Amino acid sequence: MVTGRIGEGVQQAHIRYVDHEADKPLTGMGRKPDDRYSLPLWWEQHQRQHSMNEREFWEREGKNPLLICARLQELFPDTHAATIFILAQIDPKWRRR
């Protein structure tokens, strides 16, 4: 998502930290988050996401992953609109489409 790469090498990255405002429960210790709390990430970013403080990872990327997840849920099942939305997270020119 962050790099804009599509296809092989992109992985489903679950958001694991708790956020009460977003109604996101704590997961980990053998509990996988619901798939609605996941985003497409390039495998290297996915590794980095889980190798450091996850909130810090997203802050460095300048993204709020839970807001992005919520918007994707609103767009479901319109995959075209969801793809445009994800691309707009990477490059603002896609927001005009």
N, C-alpha and C. Protein backbone atom coordinates (compact mmCIF):
# COMPACT_ATOMS: atom_id res chain seq x y z
N MET A 1 0.82 -1.18 0.00
CA MET A 1 0.00 0.00 0.00
C MET A 1 0.86 1.25 0.00
N VAL A 2 1.80 1.30 0.88
CA VAL A 2 2.60 2.51 1.00
C VAL A 2 3.47 2.72 -0.23
N THR A 3 4.00 1.65 -0.80
CA THR A 3 4.86 1.79 -1.98
C THR A 3 4.06 1.86 -3.27
N GLY A 4 2.85 1.38 -3.26
CA GLY A 4 2.05 1.35 -4.47
C GLY A 4 2.30 0.14 -5.34
N ARG A 5 3.08 -0.80 -4.85
CA ARG A 5 3.33 -2.01 -5.63
C ARG A 5 2.09 -2.88 -5.62
N ILE A 6 1.89 -3.57 -6.72
CA ILE A 6 0.71 -4.43 -6.87
C ILE A 6 1.18 -5.81 -7.30
N GLY A 7 0.51 -6.85 -6.83
CA GLY A 7 0.80 -8.20 -7.28
C GLY A 7 1.68 -8.97 -6.31
N GLU A 8 2.49 -9.85 -6.89
CA GLU A 8 3.34 -10.72 -6.09
C GLU A 8 4.24 -9.89 -5.18
N GLY A 9 4.31 -10.28 -3.92
CA GLY A 9 5.11 -9.55 -2.94
C GLY A 9 4.27 -8.69 -2.01
N VAL A 10 3.01 -8.47 -2.38
CA VAL A 10 2.11 -7.72 -1.52
C VAL A 10 1.45 -8.71 -0.56
N GLN A 11 1.43 -8.34 0.72
CA GLN A 11 0.89 -9.23 1.74
C GLN A 11 -0.22 -8.54 2.52
N GLN A 12 -1.10 -9.35 3.09
CA GLN A 12 -2.15 -8.83 3.96
C GLN A 12 -1.51 -8.56 5.32
N ALA A 13 -1.51 -7.30 5.73
CA ALA A 13 -0.89 -6.90 6.99
C ALA A 13 -1.97 -6.53 8.00
N HIS A 14 -2.08 -7.31 9.05
CA HIS A 14 -3.07 -7.05 10.09
C HIS A 14 -2.57 -5.98 11.05
N ILE A 15 -3.47 -5.11 11.48
CA ILE A 15 -3.17 -4.09 12.46
C ILE A 15 -3.42 -4.73 13.83
N ARG A 16 -2.40 -4.75 14.68
CA ARG A 16 -2.50 -5.48 15.93
C ARG A 16 -2.73 -4.61 17.16
N TYR A 17 -2.38 -3.35 17.10
CA TYR A 17 -2.50 -2.54 18.32
C TYR A 17 -3.96 -2.22 18.64
N VAL A 18 -4.23 -1.95 19.92
CA VAL A 18 -5.57 -1.61 20.38
C VAL A 18 -5.83 -0.13 20.14
N ASP A 19 -7.07 0.18 19.79
CA ASP A 19 -7.50 1.58 19.65
C ASP A 19 -8.98 1.63 20.02
N HIS A 20 -9.25 2.12 21.23
CA HIS A 20 -10.63 2.12 21.73
C HIS A 20 -11.52 3.06 20.92
N GLU A 21 -10.98 4.18 20.44
CA GLU A 21 -11.78 5.12 19.65
C GLU A 21 -12.26 4.48 18.35
N ALA A 22 -11.45 3.62 17.78
CA ALA A 22 -11.82 2.93 16.53
C ALA A 22 -12.50 1.59 16.80
N ASP A 23 -12.76 1.30 18.08
CA ASP A 23 -13.37 0.03 18.49
C ASP A 23 -12.52 -1.16 18.04
N LYS A 24 -11.21 -0.98 18.07
CA LYS A 24 -10.26 -2.03 17.66
C LYS A 24 -9.72 -2.70 18.92
N PRO A 25 -10.05 -3.98 19.13
CA PRO A 25 -9.58 -4.69 20.32
C PRO A 25 -8.09 -5.07 20.22
N LEU A 26 -7.50 -5.33 21.36
CA LEU A 26 -6.12 -5.79 21.43
C LEU A 26 -6.05 -7.21 20.88
N THR A 27 -5.02 -7.48 20.08
CA THR A 27 -4.79 -8.82 19.57
C THR A 27 -3.32 -9.16 19.78
N GLY A 28 -2.96 -10.35 19.42
CA GLY A 28 -1.61 -10.83 19.65
C GLY A 28 -1.68 -12.04 20.55
N MET A 29 -0.53 -12.56 20.91
CA MET A 29 -0.48 -13.73 21.78
C MET A 29 -1.40 -14.83 21.25
N GLY A 30 -1.30 -15.10 19.94
CA GLY A 30 -2.09 -16.16 19.34
C GLY A 30 -3.46 -15.73 18.83
N ARG A 31 -3.80 -14.45 18.99
CA ARG A 31 -5.09 -13.95 18.51
C ARG A 31 -4.86 -13.05 17.31
N LYS A 32 -5.29 -13.50 16.14
CA LYS A 32 -5.15 -12.71 14.92
C LYS A 32 -6.28 -11.69 14.85
N PRO A 33 -5.98 -10.46 14.44
CA PRO A 33 -7.04 -9.47 14.28
C PRO A 33 -8.02 -9.88 13.18
N ASP A 34 -9.21 -9.37 13.29
CA ASP A 34 -10.21 -9.56 12.24
C ASP A 34 -9.64 -9.01 10.94
N ASP A 35 -10.00 -9.62 9.82
CA ASP A 35 -9.49 -9.19 8.52
C ASP A 35 -9.90 -7.76 8.16
N ARG A 36 -10.93 -7.23 8.80
CA ARG A 36 -11.30 -5.84 8.50
C ARG A 36 -10.24 -4.87 8.99
N TYR A 37 -9.34 -5.34 9.87
CA TYR A 37 -8.21 -4.54 10.33
C TYR A 37 -6.93 -4.99 9.63
N SER A 38 -6.96 -4.98 8.31
CA SER A 38 -5.77 -5.37 7.55
C SER A 38 -5.67 -4.51 6.30
N LEU A 39 -4.43 -4.35 5.84
CA LEU A 39 -4.14 -3.54 4.67
C LEU A 39 -3.11 -4.24 3.80
N PRO A 40 -3.09 -3.94 2.50
CA PRO A 40 -2.05 -4.51 1.63
C PRO A 40 -0.73 -3.77 1.82
N LEU A 41 0.32 -4.51 2.16
CA LEU A 41 1.66 -3.94 2.29
C LEU A 41 2.65 -4.77 1.50
N TRP A 42 3.67 -4.12 0.98
CA TRP A 42 4.79 -4.81 0.37
C TRP A 42 5.47 -5.63 1.46
N TRP A 43 5.97 -6.81 1.17
CA TRP A 43 6.47 -7.74 2.18
C TRP A 43 7.54 -7.11 3.06
N GLU A 44 8.40 -6.25 2.51
CA GLU A 44 9.44 -5.62 3.33
C GLU A 44 8.83 -4.68 4.36
N GLN A 45 7.79 -3.95 3.96
CA GLN A 45 7.10 -3.07 4.90
C GLN A 45 6.37 -3.88 5.96
N HIS A 46 5.79 -4.99 5.55
CA HIS A 46 5.09 -5.85 6.48
C HIS A 46 6.05 -6.36 7.56
N GLN A 47 7.24 -6.75 7.15
CA GLN A 47 8.24 -7.19 8.13
C GLN A 47 8.61 -6.05 9.07
N ARG A 48 8.80 -4.86 8.52
CA ARG A 48 9.15 -3.70 9.34
C ARG A 48 8.01 -3.36 10.31
N GLN A 49 6.78 -3.47 9.83
CA GLN A 49 5.61 -3.20 10.68
C GLN A 49 5.65 -4.04 11.95
N HIS A 50 6.04 -5.29 11.83
CA HIS A 50 6.03 -6.20 12.98
C HIS A 50 7.37 -6.28 13.70
N SER A 51 8.40 -5.61 13.18
CA SER A 51 9.71 -5.67 13.84
C SER A 51 9.93 -4.47 14.76
N MET A 52 8.97 -3.56 14.80
CA MET A 52 9.13 -2.36 15.62
C MET A 52 7.79 -2.02 16.26
N ASN A 53 7.75 -0.95 17.02
CA ASN A 53 6.50 -0.47 17.58
C ASN A 53 5.56 -0.15 16.43
N GLU A 54 4.42 -0.81 16.40
CA GLU A 54 3.53 -0.69 15.25
C GLU A 54 2.97 0.72 15.07
N ARG A 55 2.61 1.37 16.16
CA ARG A 55 2.12 2.75 16.04
C ARG A 55 3.20 3.66 15.46
N GLU A 56 4.43 3.45 15.90
CA GLU A 56 5.54 4.24 15.38
C GLU A 56 5.74 3.99 13.89
N PHE A 57 5.61 2.74 13.47
CA PHE A 57 5.72 2.41 12.05
C PHE A 57 4.72 3.25 11.24
N TRP A 58 3.46 3.26 11.66
CA TRP A 58 2.43 3.98 10.92
C TRP A 58 2.62 5.49 11.01
N GLU A 59 3.09 5.98 12.15
CA GLU A 59 3.38 7.41 12.26
C GLU A 59 4.49 7.81 11.29
N ARG A 60 5.51 6.99 11.18
CA ARG A 60 6.59 7.27 10.22
C ARG A 60 6.08 7.28 8.78
N GLU A 61 5.10 6.43 8.49
CA GLU A 61 4.51 6.37 7.15
C GLU A 61 3.53 7.53 6.93
N GLY A 62 3.14 8.20 8.02
CA GLY A 62 2.20 9.31 7.90
C GLY A 62 0.78 8.86 7.61
N LYS A 63 0.44 7.67 8.06
CA LYS A 63 -0.88 7.09 7.77
C LYS A 63 -1.58 6.68 9.06
N ASN A 64 -2.91 6.76 9.05
CA ASN A 64 -3.72 6.19 10.12
C ASN A 64 -4.34 4.92 9.55
N PRO A 65 -3.78 3.76 9.87
CA PRO A 65 -4.24 2.53 9.23
C PRO A 65 -5.69 2.18 9.56
N LEU A 66 -6.15 2.54 10.74
CA LEU A 66 -7.52 2.19 11.10
C LEU A 66 -8.54 3.01 10.33
N LEU A 67 -8.22 4.26 10.03
CA LEU A 67 -9.10 5.06 9.18
C LEU A 67 -9.12 4.51 7.75
N ILE A 68 -7.97 4.08 7.28
CA ILE A 68 -7.89 3.49 5.94
C ILE A 68 -8.70 2.19 5.89
N CYS A 69 -8.56 1.36 6.93
CA CYS A 69 -9.33 0.11 7.00
C CYS A 69 -10.83 0.40 7.00
N ALA A 70 -11.25 1.39 7.78
CA ALA A 70 -12.68 1.73 7.87
C ALA A 70 -13.21 2.17 6.50
N ARG A 71 -12.44 2.97 5.80
CA ARG A 71 -12.88 3.43 4.47
C ARG A 71 -12.97 2.26 3.49
N LEU A 72 -12.02 1.35 3.56
CA LEU A 72 -12.07 0.17 2.68
C LEU A 72 -13.32 -0.66 2.96
N GLN A 73 -13.70 -0.77 4.23
CA GLN A 73 -14.92 -1.50 4.58
C GLN A 73 -16.15 -0.83 3.98
N GLU A 74 -16.16 0.51 3.98
CA GLU A 74 -17.28 1.24 3.38
C GLU A 74 -17.36 1.00 1.88
N LEU A 75 -16.22 0.88 1.23
CA LEU A 75 -16.18 0.70 -0.22
C LEU A 75 -16.49 -0.73 -0.65
N PHE A 76 -16.27 -1.70 0.22
CA PHE A 76 -16.49 -3.10 -0.10
C PHE A 76 -17.93 -3.31 -0.57
N PRO A 77 -18.19 -4.08 -1.61
CA PRO A 77 -17.30 -4.93 -2.41
C PRO A 77 -16.82 -4.27 -3.71
N ASP A 78 -16.87 -2.95 -3.80
CA ASP A 78 -16.45 -2.26 -5.03
C ASP A 78 -14.92 -2.24 -5.10
N THR A 79 -14.33 -3.26 -5.70
CA THR A 79 -12.87 -3.38 -5.72
C THR A 79 -12.21 -2.28 -6.55
N HIS A 80 -12.89 -1.79 -7.57
CA HIS A 80 -12.32 -0.68 -8.36
C HIS A 80 -12.18 0.56 -7.48
N ALA A 81 -13.24 0.92 -6.77
CA ALA A 81 -13.19 2.09 -5.89
C ALA A 81 -12.16 1.90 -4.78
N ALA A 82 -12.07 0.69 -4.25
CA ALA A 82 -11.09 0.41 -3.19
C ALA A 82 -9.67 0.54 -3.72
N THR A 83 -9.42 0.08 -4.93
CA THR A 83 -8.09 0.19 -5.53
C THR A 83 -7.72 1.65 -5.74
N ILE A 84 -8.65 2.45 -6.25
CA ILE A 84 -8.40 3.88 -6.45
C ILE A 84 -8.11 4.54 -5.10
N PHE A 85 -8.87 4.17 -4.08
CA PHE A 85 -8.66 4.73 -2.75
C PHE A 85 -7.26 4.39 -2.23
N ILE A 86 -6.84 3.13 -2.37
CA ILE A 86 -5.50 2.73 -1.91
C ILE A 86 -4.43 3.49 -2.70
N LEU A 87 -4.59 3.60 -4.00
CA LEU A 87 -3.62 4.34 -4.81
C LEU A 87 -3.55 5.80 -4.39
N ALA A 88 -4.68 6.37 -3.99
CA ALA A 88 -4.70 7.77 -3.54
C ALA A 88 -3.96 7.95 -2.22
N GLN A 89 -3.82 6.88 -1.45
CA GLN A 89 -3.04 6.96 -0.21
C GLN A 89 -1.56 7.11 -0.52
N ILE A 90 -1.16 6.67 -1.71
CA ILE A 90 0.23 6.70 -2.13
C ILE A 90 0.53 7.97 -2.91
N ASP A 91 -0.36 8.30 -3.84
CA ASP A 91 -0.14 9.43 -4.75
C ASP A 91 -1.42 10.26 -4.84
N PRO A 92 -1.40 11.50 -4.35
CA PRO A 92 -2.61 12.33 -4.32
C PRO A 92 -3.28 12.55 -5.68
N LYS A 93 -2.57 12.39 -6.79
CA LYS A 93 -3.21 12.60 -8.10
C LYS A 93 -4.37 11.64 -8.31
N TRP A 94 -4.35 10.47 -7.65
CA TRP A 94 -5.44 9.50 -7.79
C TRP A 94 -6.71 9.99 -7.12
N ARG A 95 -6.64 10.96 -6.22
CA ARG A 95 -7.84 11.45 -5.52
C ARG A 95 -8.78 12.17 -6.46
N ARG A 96 -8.27 12.65 -7.56
CA ARG A 96 -9.10 13.40 -8.51
C ARG A 96 -9.89 12.49 -9.43
N ARG A 97 -9.69 11.21 -9.38
CA ARG A 97 -10.35 10.29 -10.32
C ARG A 97 -11.68 9.83 -9.80
